[in-house]
Amino acid sequence: MCGRYTLFSDEEVHDLRDIIEEVERRHRGGPLAGTGEIRPTNIAPVVVAGADGPEARAMAWGFPPFRGKGVIINARAETAADKPLFRGSLGSRRCAVPATGFYEWDDQKVKHRFSLPGEPFFYLAGLYGLFDREPHFVILTTAPNRSVAAVHDRMPVLLPPFAVEGWLSDPAPLPALLAAQPPSLTDTVA
């Protein structure tokens, strides 16, 4: 499970800064989490397939539940195609969530921040949908790699930058991407 992630803007990382600035320009409908620690229900930047290629948009993190309280923030990559809530999004509404890290909590409730060594940011694979005409996204999760397994039994599906455009628009690489072994990550106790 991915319950929080980080998005810190570094002036030197132009691609990330451009995404955040584009979303801030376009989003005028209310509070935008923008950067820092992103929590469920926050409105945050995501990248989607646009008419002329990838484009940044603001979306709320979490699909509304069918019953009860809270939101659905994650979808299991292994079963998303089988679930009515995610099936349509997996087919045509995929997004890439820019992140500088993500958090998981261990059995002792210690918070761990995972980041990609040597990379200023990466993307998390996501799905989006419209609920009451408002866009919402979830993050796809998978079995953990060695970096995360000692802390948690799930982790987000990570997208290498070269795979983002294909993830957004071409369903052909989908099974291979979802089955790929995630890269090793740096674990820092937060």
N, C-alpha and C. Protein backbone atom coordinates (compact mmCIF):
# COMPACT_ATOMS: atom_id res chain seq x y z
N MET A 1 0.85 -1.18 0.00
CA MET A 1 0.00 0.00 0.00
C MET A 1 0.89 1.23 0.00
N CYS A 2 0.46 2.24 -0.66
CA CYS A 2 1.15 3.52 -0.65
C CYS A 2 0.19 4.52 -0.03
N GLY A 3 0.45 4.95 1.21
CA GLY A 3 -0.46 5.82 1.92
C GLY A 3 -0.09 7.29 1.89
N ARG A 4 1.15 7.59 1.53
CA ARG A 4 1.60 8.97 1.35
C ARG A 4 2.81 8.94 0.44
N TYR A 5 3.02 10.04 -0.25
CA TYR A 5 4.23 10.18 -1.05
C TYR A 5 4.70 11.62 -0.98
N THR A 6 5.90 11.85 -1.46
CA THR A 6 6.46 13.20 -1.42
C THR A 6 6.66 13.74 -2.82
N LEU A 7 6.56 15.05 -2.90
CA LEU A 7 6.82 15.75 -4.15
C LEU A 7 7.48 17.07 -3.77
N PHE A 8 8.80 17.07 -3.79
CA PHE A 8 9.56 18.27 -3.47
C PHE A 8 10.11 18.84 -4.76
N SER A 9 9.93 20.12 -4.97
CA SER A 9 10.39 20.77 -6.20
C SER A 9 11.80 21.30 -5.99
N ASP A 10 12.69 20.91 -6.85
CA ASP A 10 14.06 21.40 -6.86
C ASP A 10 14.22 22.26 -8.10
N GLU A 11 14.67 23.47 -7.93
CA GLU A 11 14.80 24.39 -9.06
C GLU A 11 15.66 23.81 -10.18
N GLU A 12 16.57 22.91 -9.86
CA GLU A 12 17.46 22.34 -10.86
C GLU A 12 16.79 21.24 -11.69
N VAL A 13 15.70 20.69 -11.20
CA VAL A 13 15.01 19.60 -11.90
C VAL A 13 13.89 20.22 -12.74
N HIS A 14 14.23 20.61 -13.95
CA HIS A 14 13.32 21.35 -14.82
C HIS A 14 12.05 20.58 -15.15
N ASP A 15 12.14 19.28 -15.45
CA ASP A 15 10.95 18.52 -15.80
C ASP A 15 9.92 18.52 -14.68
N LEU A 16 10.38 18.31 -13.47
CA LEU A 16 9.48 18.30 -12.32
C LEU A 16 8.92 19.69 -12.06
N ARG A 17 9.75 20.69 -12.13
CA ARG A 17 9.30 22.07 -11.92
C ARG A 17 8.25 22.45 -12.96
N ASP A 18 8.46 22.04 -14.22
CA ASP A 18 7.50 22.34 -15.29
C ASP A 18 6.13 21.72 -15.02
N ILE A 19 6.12 20.47 -14.53
CA ILE A 19 4.86 19.79 -14.21
C ILE A 19 4.12 20.57 -13.12
N ILE A 20 4.81 20.91 -12.06
CA ILE A 20 4.18 21.60 -10.93
C ILE A 20 3.66 22.97 -11.37
N GLU A 21 4.47 23.72 -12.14
CA GLU A 21 4.04 25.05 -12.59
C GLU A 21 2.85 24.98 -13.53
N GLU A 22 2.82 23.97 -14.42
CA GLU A 22 1.68 23.84 -15.33
C GLU A 22 0.41 23.55 -14.56
N VAL A 23 0.48 22.67 -13.58
CA VAL A 23 -0.70 22.36 -12.79
C VAL A 23 -1.15 23.58 -11.99
N GLU A 24 -0.23 24.31 -11.41
CA GLU A 24 -0.60 25.51 -10.66
C GLU A 24 -1.26 26.55 -11.56
N ARG A 25 -0.80 26.67 -12.80
CA ARG A 25 -1.42 27.61 -13.75
C ARG A 25 -2.84 27.19 -14.10
N ARG A 26 -3.04 25.90 -14.31
CA ARG A 26 -4.34 25.40 -14.77
C ARG A 26 -5.35 25.23 -13.65
N HIS A 27 -4.88 24.99 -12.44
CA HIS A 27 -5.79 24.67 -11.33
C HIS A 27 -6.19 25.94 -10.59
N ARG A 28 -7.43 26.29 -10.73
CA ARG A 28 -7.93 27.49 -10.05
C ARG A 28 -9.15 27.16 -9.21
N GLY A 29 -9.42 25.86 -9.02
CA GLY A 29 -10.67 25.46 -8.38
C GLY A 29 -10.60 25.21 -6.90
N GLY A 30 -9.51 25.53 -6.23
CA GLY A 30 -9.45 25.28 -4.81
C GLY A 30 -8.04 24.97 -4.38
N PRO A 31 -7.90 24.39 -3.20
CA PRO A 31 -6.56 24.15 -2.66
C PRO A 31 -5.81 23.07 -3.44
N LEU A 32 -4.58 23.36 -3.73
CA LEU A 32 -3.71 22.43 -4.43
C LEU A 32 -2.57 22.07 -3.49
N ALA A 33 -2.42 20.79 -3.18
CA ALA A 33 -1.34 20.38 -2.30
C ALA A 33 -0.01 20.75 -2.94
N GLY A 34 0.09 20.55 -4.27
CA GLY A 34 1.29 20.96 -4.99
C GLY A 34 2.52 20.16 -4.63
N THR A 35 3.20 20.55 -3.57
CA THR A 35 4.43 19.88 -3.20
C THR A 35 4.45 19.59 -1.70
N GLY A 36 5.45 18.82 -1.30
CA GLY A 36 5.58 18.43 0.10
C GLY A 36 5.11 17.00 0.27
N GLU A 37 4.53 16.71 1.42
CA GLU A 37 3.99 15.38 1.69
C GLU A 37 2.56 15.34 1.19
N ILE A 38 2.31 14.48 0.22
CA ILE A 38 0.99 14.36 -0.39
C ILE A 38 0.23 13.26 0.35
N ARG A 39 -0.97 13.59 0.79
CA ARG A 39 -1.82 12.67 1.56
C ARG A 39 -3.09 12.35 0.77
N PRO A 40 -3.74 11.24 1.10
CA PRO A 40 -5.01 10.94 0.44
C PRO A 40 -5.98 12.12 0.55
N THR A 41 -6.73 12.32 -0.50
CA THR A 41 -7.71 13.39 -0.73
C THR A 41 -7.07 14.71 -1.14
N ASN A 42 -5.73 14.86 -1.01
CA ASN A 42 -5.07 16.08 -1.49
C ASN A 42 -5.22 16.17 -3.00
N ILE A 43 -5.27 17.37 -3.51
CA ILE A 43 -5.24 17.60 -4.94
C ILE A 43 -3.78 17.79 -5.32
N ALA A 44 -3.31 16.97 -6.26
CA ALA A 44 -1.89 16.93 -6.59
C ALA A 44 -1.70 16.82 -8.10
N PRO A 45 -0.49 17.13 -8.57
CA PRO A 45 -0.20 17.01 -10.01
C PRO A 45 -0.08 15.55 -10.45
N VAL A 46 -0.65 15.26 -11.60
CA VAL A 46 -0.46 13.98 -12.29
C VAL A 46 -0.25 14.28 -13.76
N VAL A 47 0.29 13.33 -14.49
CA VAL A 47 0.51 13.47 -15.92
C VAL A 47 -0.42 12.49 -16.63
N VAL A 48 -1.14 12.99 -17.64
CA VAL A 48 -2.07 12.16 -18.42
C VAL A 48 -1.76 12.32 -19.91
N ALA A 49 -2.35 11.46 -20.73
CA ALA A 49 -2.19 11.58 -22.18
C ALA A 49 -3.07 12.73 -22.65
N GLY A 50 -2.46 13.69 -23.33
CA GLY A 50 -3.20 14.81 -23.90
C GLY A 50 -3.24 14.70 -25.40
N ALA A 51 -3.92 15.62 -26.05
CA ALA A 51 -4.04 15.60 -27.51
C ALA A 51 -2.68 15.71 -28.19
N ASP A 52 -1.76 16.46 -27.59
CA ASP A 52 -0.44 16.67 -28.18
C ASP A 52 0.67 16.00 -27.39
N GLY A 53 0.35 14.98 -26.62
CA GLY A 53 1.35 14.30 -25.80
C GLY A 53 1.02 14.45 -24.33
N PRO A 54 1.93 14.03 -23.46
CA PRO A 54 1.66 14.10 -22.02
C PRO A 54 1.40 15.53 -21.55
N GLU A 55 0.43 15.66 -20.63
CA GLU A 55 0.15 16.97 -20.05
C GLU A 55 -0.16 16.81 -18.57
N ALA A 56 0.17 17.84 -17.81
CA ALA A 56 -0.02 17.83 -16.37
C ALA A 56 -1.43 18.33 -16.02
N ARG A 57 -2.01 17.67 -15.02
CA ARG A 57 -3.33 18.06 -14.52
C ARG A 57 -3.36 17.93 -13.00
N ALA A 58 -4.32 18.57 -12.39
CA ALA A 58 -4.54 18.45 -10.95
C ALA A 58 -5.68 17.48 -10.71
N MET A 59 -5.47 16.54 -9.80
CA MET A 59 -6.52 15.57 -9.45
C MET A 59 -6.46 15.27 -7.97
N ALA A 60 -7.60 14.86 -7.43
CA ALA A 60 -7.67 14.45 -6.02
C ALA A 60 -7.21 13.00 -5.91
N TRP A 61 -6.42 12.72 -4.87
CA TRP A 61 -5.93 11.36 -4.65
C TRP A 61 -6.98 10.55 -3.90
N GLY A 62 -7.56 9.58 -4.60
CA GLY A 62 -8.50 8.65 -4.00
C GLY A 62 -9.83 8.61 -4.73
N PHE A 63 -10.29 7.40 -5.02
CA PHE A 63 -11.63 7.19 -5.58
C PHE A 63 -12.61 7.12 -4.42
N PRO A 64 -13.80 7.72 -4.57
CA PRO A 64 -14.80 7.58 -3.52
C PRO A 64 -15.21 6.12 -3.36
N PRO A 65 -15.46 5.68 -2.13
CA PRO A 65 -15.88 4.28 -1.92
C PRO A 65 -17.35 4.11 -2.27
N PHE A 66 -17.74 2.87 -2.52
CA PHE A 66 -19.14 2.58 -2.79
C PHE A 66 -19.99 2.75 -1.54
N ARG A 67 -19.43 2.39 -0.41
CA ARG A 67 -20.14 2.54 0.86
C ARG A 67 -19.12 2.82 1.96
N GLY A 68 -19.57 3.46 2.98
CA GLY A 68 -18.69 3.75 4.10
C GLY A 68 -17.91 5.03 3.91
N LYS A 69 -16.94 5.21 4.82
CA LYS A 69 -16.13 6.42 4.84
C LYS A 69 -14.78 6.17 4.17
N GLY A 70 -14.04 7.24 4.01
CA GLY A 70 -12.70 7.14 3.46
C GLY A 70 -12.70 7.16 1.95
N VAL A 71 -11.54 6.88 1.41
CA VAL A 71 -11.36 6.83 -0.04
C VAL A 71 -10.51 5.61 -0.39
N ILE A 72 -10.59 5.20 -1.64
CA ILE A 72 -9.77 4.10 -2.14
C ILE A 72 -8.56 4.75 -2.81
N ILE A 73 -7.38 4.54 -2.24
CA ILE A 73 -6.19 5.26 -2.72
C ILE A 73 -5.27 4.41 -3.58
N ASN A 74 -5.41 3.09 -3.49
CA ASN A 74 -4.55 2.18 -4.23
C ASN A 74 -5.37 1.12 -4.96
N ALA A 75 -4.77 0.57 -6.01
CA ALA A 75 -5.36 -0.55 -6.74
C ALA A 75 -4.26 -1.58 -6.94
N ARG A 76 -4.55 -2.82 -6.69
CA ARG A 76 -3.56 -3.88 -6.91
C ARG A 76 -3.37 -4.08 -8.41
N ALA A 77 -2.14 -3.96 -8.87
CA ALA A 77 -1.85 -4.10 -10.30
C ALA A 77 -2.26 -5.48 -10.81
N GLU A 78 -2.11 -6.49 -9.96
CA GLU A 78 -2.40 -7.86 -10.37
C GLU A 78 -3.88 -8.10 -10.63
N THR A 79 -4.76 -7.34 -9.99
CA THR A 79 -6.19 -7.61 -10.10
C THR A 79 -7.00 -6.42 -10.62
N ALA A 80 -6.36 -5.32 -10.96
CA ALA A 80 -7.09 -4.11 -11.40
C ALA A 80 -7.97 -4.39 -12.61
N ALA A 81 -7.51 -5.21 -13.54
CA ALA A 81 -8.30 -5.50 -14.74
C ALA A 81 -9.57 -6.30 -14.42
N ASP A 82 -9.60 -6.96 -13.27
CA ASP A 82 -10.75 -7.77 -12.88
C ASP A 82 -11.79 -6.99 -12.06
N LYS A 83 -11.41 -5.83 -11.57
CA LYS A 83 -12.29 -5.06 -10.68
C LYS A 83 -13.07 -4.02 -11.48
N PRO A 84 -14.41 -4.02 -11.38
CA PRO A 84 -15.21 -3.04 -12.13
C PRO A 84 -14.81 -1.58 -11.87
N LEU A 85 -14.39 -1.26 -10.64
CA LEU A 85 -14.01 0.11 -10.31
C LEU A 85 -12.78 0.58 -11.09
N PHE A 86 -11.88 -0.35 -11.42
CA PHE A 86 -10.61 0.03 -12.05
C PHE A 86 -10.50 -0.38 -13.52
N ARG A 87 -11.31 -1.33 -13.98
CA ARG A 87 -11.18 -1.91 -15.32
C ARG A 87 -11.17 -0.85 -16.42
N GLY A 88 -12.14 0.06 -16.43
CA GLY A 88 -12.22 1.08 -17.47
C GLY A 88 -11.03 2.03 -17.43
N SER A 89 -10.60 2.39 -16.23
CA SER A 89 -9.44 3.28 -16.10
C SER A 89 -8.17 2.61 -16.58
N LEU A 90 -8.01 1.33 -16.28
CA LEU A 90 -6.82 0.62 -16.72
C LEU A 90 -6.75 0.57 -18.24
N GLY A 91 -7.91 0.47 -18.87
CA GLY A 91 -7.95 0.42 -20.32
C GLY A 91 -7.68 1.74 -21.00
N SER A 92 -8.14 2.85 -20.42
CA SER A 92 -8.02 4.12 -21.15
C SER A 92 -7.74 5.36 -20.32
N ARG A 93 -7.65 5.23 -19.01
CA ARG A 93 -7.40 6.41 -18.17
C ARG A 93 -6.25 6.14 -17.20
N ARG A 94 -5.06 6.02 -17.78
CA ARG A 94 -3.88 5.80 -16.95
C ARG A 94 -3.18 7.14 -16.73
N CYS A 95 -2.53 7.27 -15.59
CA CYS A 95 -1.78 8.49 -15.30
C CYS A 95 -0.43 8.13 -14.69
N ALA A 96 0.46 9.10 -14.69
CA ALA A 96 1.77 8.96 -14.06
C ALA A 96 1.83 10.02 -12.96
N VAL A 97 2.15 9.59 -11.76
CA VAL A 97 2.16 10.48 -10.60
C VAL A 97 3.62 10.82 -10.28
N PRO A 98 4.04 12.08 -10.49
CA PRO A 98 5.42 12.43 -10.17
C PRO A 98 5.63 12.38 -8.65
N ALA A 99 6.77 11.84 -8.24
CA ALA A 99 7.08 11.72 -6.82
C ALA A 99 8.58 11.79 -6.60
N THR A 100 8.96 12.27 -5.44
CA THR A 100 10.36 12.24 -5.05
C THR A 100 10.62 11.14 -4.03
N GLY A 101 9.56 10.52 -3.56
CA GLY A 101 9.66 9.42 -2.61
C GLY A 101 8.27 8.96 -2.22
N PHE A 102 8.20 7.85 -1.49
CA PHE A 102 6.92 7.39 -0.94
C PHE A 102 7.17 6.80 0.43
N TYR A 103 6.12 6.78 1.24
CA TYR A 103 6.22 6.30 2.62
C TYR A 103 5.53 4.97 2.80
N GLU A 104 6.10 4.16 3.67
CA GLU A 104 5.46 2.95 4.18
C GLU A 104 5.77 2.88 5.67
N TRP A 105 4.88 2.25 6.44
CA TRP A 105 5.07 2.10 7.86
C TRP A 105 5.31 0.63 8.17
N ASP A 106 6.26 0.35 9.06
CA ASP A 106 6.53 -1.04 9.43
C ASP A 106 5.60 -1.47 10.56
N ASP A 107 5.79 -2.70 11.05
CA ASP A 107 4.92 -3.25 12.09
C ASP A 107 4.96 -2.46 13.40
N GLN A 108 6.05 -1.75 13.65
CA GLN A 108 6.18 -0.95 14.86
C GLN A 108 5.71 0.50 14.64
N LYS A 109 5.05 0.74 13.51
CA LYS A 109 4.53 2.07 13.16
C LYS A 109 5.64 3.10 12.91
N VAL A 110 6.81 2.61 12.50
CA VAL A 110 7.91 3.50 12.13
C VAL A 110 7.75 3.85 10.66
N LYS A 111 7.84 5.12 10.37
CA LYS A 111 7.63 5.64 9.02
C LYS A 111 8.96 5.59 8.24
N HIS A 112 8.90 4.96 7.05
CA HIS A 112 10.08 4.84 6.18
C HIS A 112 9.81 5.59 4.88
N ARG A 113 10.78 6.35 4.43
CA ARG A 113 10.67 7.04 3.14
C ARG A 113 11.58 6.34 2.14
N PHE A 114 10.99 5.94 1.02
CA PHE A 114 11.74 5.26 -0.04
C PHE A 114 11.93 6.22 -1.21
N SER A 115 13.15 6.25 -1.72
CA SER A 115 13.46 7.10 -2.88
C SER A 115 14.36 6.32 -3.83
N LEU A 116 14.50 6.83 -5.03
CA LEU A 116 15.29 6.17 -6.06
C LEU A 116 16.70 6.77 -6.04
N PRO A 117 17.71 5.97 -5.71
CA PRO A 117 19.06 6.52 -5.61
C PRO A 117 19.54 7.12 -6.93
N GLY A 118 20.12 8.30 -6.83
CA GLY A 118 20.69 8.95 -8.00
C GLY A 118 19.69 9.63 -8.91
N GLU A 119 18.40 9.57 -8.58
CA GLU A 119 17.37 10.20 -9.41
C GLU A 119 16.62 11.23 -8.56
N PRO A 120 16.41 12.43 -9.07
CA PRO A 120 15.71 13.44 -8.28
C PRO A 120 14.22 13.17 -8.13
N PHE A 121 13.64 12.46 -9.09
CA PHE A 121 12.23 12.09 -8.98
C PHE A 121 11.95 10.92 -9.90
N PHE A 122 10.77 10.35 -9.76
CA PHE A 122 10.33 9.22 -10.57
C PHE A 122 8.81 9.32 -10.69
N TYR A 123 8.20 8.36 -11.32
CA TYR A 123 6.75 8.36 -11.49
C TYR A 123 6.17 7.09 -10.88
N LEU A 124 4.98 7.23 -10.32
CA LEU A 124 4.20 6.10 -9.84
C LEU A 124 3.10 5.86 -10.86
N ALA A 125 2.85 4.60 -11.19
CA ALA A 125 1.79 4.28 -12.15
C ALA A 125 0.44 4.47 -11.46
N GLY A 126 -0.47 5.15 -12.15
CA GLY A 126 -1.78 5.40 -11.57
C GLY A 126 -2.90 5.25 -12.58
N LEU A 127 -4.10 5.29 -12.06
CA LEU A 127 -5.33 5.26 -12.85
C LEU A 127 -6.18 6.44 -12.41
N TYR A 128 -7.01 6.95 -13.32
CA TYR A 128 -7.89 8.04 -12.90
C TYR A 128 -9.30 7.83 -13.45
N GLY A 129 -10.22 8.54 -12.83
CA GLY A 129 -11.62 8.49 -13.25
C GLY A 129 -12.31 9.76 -12.81
N LEU A 130 -13.51 9.97 -13.34
CA LEU A 130 -14.32 11.13 -12.98
C LEU A 130 -15.42 10.69 -12.02
N PHE A 131 -15.56 11.40 -10.92
CA PHE A 131 -16.59 11.14 -9.93
C PHE A 131 -17.25 12.48 -9.64
N ASP A 132 -18.55 12.59 -9.91
CA ASP A 132 -19.25 13.87 -9.81
C ASP A 132 -18.53 14.95 -10.62
N ARG A 133 -18.06 14.55 -11.79
CA ARG A 133 -17.37 15.41 -12.75
C ARG A 133 -16.02 15.95 -12.26
N GLU A 134 -15.51 15.38 -11.19
CA GLU A 134 -14.20 15.77 -10.67
C GLU A 134 -13.22 14.62 -10.88
N PRO A 135 -11.98 14.92 -11.36
CA PRO A 135 -11.01 13.85 -11.58
C PRO A 135 -10.34 13.39 -10.28
N HIS A 136 -10.24 12.09 -10.14
CA HIS A 136 -9.59 11.46 -8.98
C HIS A 136 -8.63 10.39 -9.51
N PHE A 137 -7.55 10.13 -8.75
CA PHE A 137 -6.61 9.09 -9.16
C PHE A 137 -6.32 8.13 -8.01
N VAL A 138 -5.88 6.93 -8.39
CA VAL A 138 -5.36 5.94 -7.45
C VAL A 138 -3.98 5.53 -7.93
N ILE A 139 -3.18 4.99 -7.02
CA ILE A 139 -1.84 4.51 -7.34
C ILE A 139 -1.87 2.99 -7.41
N LEU A 140 -1.28 2.44 -8.47
CA LEU A 140 -1.19 0.99 -8.60
C LEU A 140 -0.09 0.47 -7.68
N THR A 141 -0.35 -0.65 -7.02
CA THR A 141 0.65 -1.26 -6.16
C THR A 141 0.96 -2.67 -6.65
N THR A 142 2.09 -3.18 -6.19
CA THR A 142 2.56 -4.50 -6.57
C THR A 142 3.27 -5.14 -5.38
N ALA A 143 3.73 -6.37 -5.56
CA ALA A 143 4.52 -7.03 -4.53
C ALA A 143 5.82 -6.24 -4.34
N PRO A 144 6.33 -6.18 -3.12
CA PRO A 144 7.52 -5.37 -2.87
C PRO A 144 8.79 -6.03 -3.39
N ASN A 145 9.76 -5.21 -3.69
CA ASN A 145 11.09 -5.74 -4.00
C ASN A 145 11.85 -5.87 -2.67
N ARG A 146 13.12 -6.26 -2.74
CA ARG A 146 13.91 -6.46 -1.52
C ARG A 146 14.04 -5.18 -0.70
N SER A 147 14.07 -4.04 -1.35
CA SER A 147 14.22 -2.77 -0.64
C SER A 147 13.06 -2.49 0.31
N VAL A 148 11.87 -2.91 -0.06
CA VAL A 148 10.65 -2.57 0.68
C VAL A 148 10.12 -3.75 1.50
N ALA A 149 10.43 -4.97 1.11
CA ALA A 149 9.82 -6.17 1.70
C ALA A 149 9.95 -6.26 3.22
N ALA A 150 11.04 -5.80 3.79
CA ALA A 150 11.21 -5.87 5.24
C ALA A 150 10.29 -4.90 5.98
N VAL A 151 9.78 -3.90 5.25
CA VAL A 151 8.94 -2.88 5.87
C VAL A 151 7.46 -3.11 5.59
N HIS A 152 7.13 -3.48 4.34
CA HIS A 152 5.72 -3.59 3.96
C HIS A 152 5.54 -4.65 2.88
N ASP A 153 4.32 -5.19 2.77
CA ASP A 153 4.06 -6.25 1.79
C ASP A 153 3.56 -5.74 0.44
N ARG A 154 3.48 -4.42 0.25
CA ARG A 154 3.10 -3.83 -1.03
C ARG A 154 3.98 -2.61 -1.27
N MET A 155 4.06 -2.22 -2.54
CA MET A 155 4.75 -0.98 -2.91
C MET A 155 4.14 -0.45 -4.20
N PRO A 156 4.31 0.84 -4.50
CA PRO A 156 3.78 1.38 -5.75
C PRO A 156 4.50 0.79 -6.96
N VAL A 157 3.81 0.74 -8.09
CA VAL A 157 4.44 0.38 -9.36
C VAL A 157 5.19 1.62 -9.83
N LEU A 158 6.51 1.48 -10.00
CA LEU A 158 7.35 2.59 -10.41
C LEU A 158 7.49 2.61 -11.93
N LEU A 159 7.42 3.81 -12.49
CA LEU A 159 7.58 3.98 -13.94
C LEU A 159 8.91 4.66 -14.23
N PRO A 160 9.77 4.02 -15.02
CA PRO A 160 10.96 4.74 -15.46
C PRO A 160 10.54 5.86 -16.41
N PRO A 161 11.26 6.99 -16.42
CA PRO A 161 10.85 8.11 -17.28
C PRO A 161 10.62 7.74 -18.74
N PHE A 162 11.43 6.83 -19.28
CA PHE A 162 11.26 6.47 -20.69
C PHE A 162 9.96 5.70 -20.95
N ALA A 163 9.33 5.17 -19.90
CA ALA A 163 8.11 4.37 -20.06
C ALA A 163 6.83 5.17 -19.85
N VAL A 164 6.94 6.43 -19.43
CA VAL A 164 5.75 7.20 -19.07
C VAL A 164 4.82 7.39 -20.26
N GLU A 165 5.33 7.85 -21.39
CA GLU A 165 4.45 8.11 -22.53
C GLU A 165 3.74 6.84 -23.00
N GLY A 166 4.45 5.72 -23.03
CA GLY A 166 3.82 4.46 -23.40
C GLY A 166 2.76 4.03 -22.40
N TRP A 167 3.04 4.22 -21.11
CA TRP A 167 2.07 3.88 -20.07
C TRP A 167 0.78 4.68 -20.25
N LEU A 168 0.92 5.95 -20.61
CA LEU A 168 -0.24 6.82 -20.74
C LEU A 168 -1.10 6.51 -21.95
N SER A 169 -0.47 6.08 -23.05
CA SER A 169 -1.24 6.02 -24.30
C SER A 169 -1.28 4.67 -24.99
N ASP A 170 -0.39 3.76 -24.67
CA ASP A 170 -0.30 2.50 -25.42
C ASP A 170 -0.51 1.31 -24.49
N PRO A 171 -1.61 0.58 -24.63
CA PRO A 171 -1.84 -0.54 -23.73
C PRO A 171 -0.94 -1.75 -23.99
N ALA A 172 -0.23 -1.78 -25.11
CA ALA A 172 0.60 -2.95 -25.44
C ALA A 172 1.67 -3.26 -24.39
N PRO A 173 2.42 -2.26 -23.85
CA PRO A 173 3.46 -2.60 -22.88
C PRO A 173 2.94 -2.82 -21.46
N LEU A 174 1.63 -2.74 -21.28
CA LEU A 174 1.04 -2.81 -19.96
C LEU A 174 1.41 -4.07 -19.17
N PRO A 175 1.21 -5.27 -19.69
CA PRO A 175 1.56 -6.46 -18.90
C PRO A 175 3.03 -6.53 -18.51
N ALA A 176 3.92 -6.18 -19.43
CA ALA A 176 5.35 -6.23 -19.12
C ALA A 176 5.72 -5.20 -18.06
N LEU A 177 5.16 -4.02 -18.16
CA LEU A 177 5.46 -2.97 -17.19
C LEU A 177 4.97 -3.36 -15.80
N LEU A 178 3.76 -3.90 -15.73
CA LEU A 178 3.22 -4.28 -14.43
C LEU A 178 3.95 -5.47 -13.83
N ALA A 179 4.56 -6.29 -14.67
CA ALA A 179 5.27 -7.46 -14.18
C ALA A 179 6.76 -7.20 -13.93
N ALA A 180 7.26 -6.04 -14.31
CA ALA A 180 8.70 -5.74 -14.18
C ALA A 180 9.13 -5.67 -12.71
N GLN A 181 10.34 -6.09 -12.45
CA GLN A 181 10.92 -6.02 -11.11
C GLN A 181 11.25 -4.56 -10.79
N PRO A 182 10.71 -4.01 -9.71
CA PRO A 182 11.01 -2.62 -9.36
C PRO A 182 12.49 -2.44 -9.03
N PRO A 183 13.04 -1.26 -9.31
CA PRO A 183 14.45 -1.01 -9.00
C PRO A 183 14.69 -0.95 -7.49
N SER A 184 15.94 -1.10 -7.09
CA SER A 184 16.30 -0.97 -5.69
C SER A 184 16.10 0.46 -5.24
N LEU A 185 15.66 0.62 -4.00
CA LEU A 185 15.35 1.93 -3.46
C LEU A 185 16.16 2.20 -2.20
N THR A 186 16.29 3.47 -1.85
CA THR A 186 16.94 3.88 -0.61
C THR A 186 15.86 4.01 0.45
N ASP A 187 16.10 3.43 1.62
CA ASP A 187 15.16 3.45 2.74
C ASP A 187 15.72 4.38 3.82
N THR A 188 14.96 5.43 4.13
CA THR A 188 15.35 6.37 5.17
C THR A 188 14.24 6.43 6.21
N VAL A 189 14.57 6.25 7.48
CA VAL A 189 13.56 6.36 8.51
C VAL A 189 13.20 7.83 8.63
N ALA A 190 11.91 8.11 8.49
CA ALA A 190 11.44 9.51 8.47
C ALA A 190 11.19 10.03 9.87
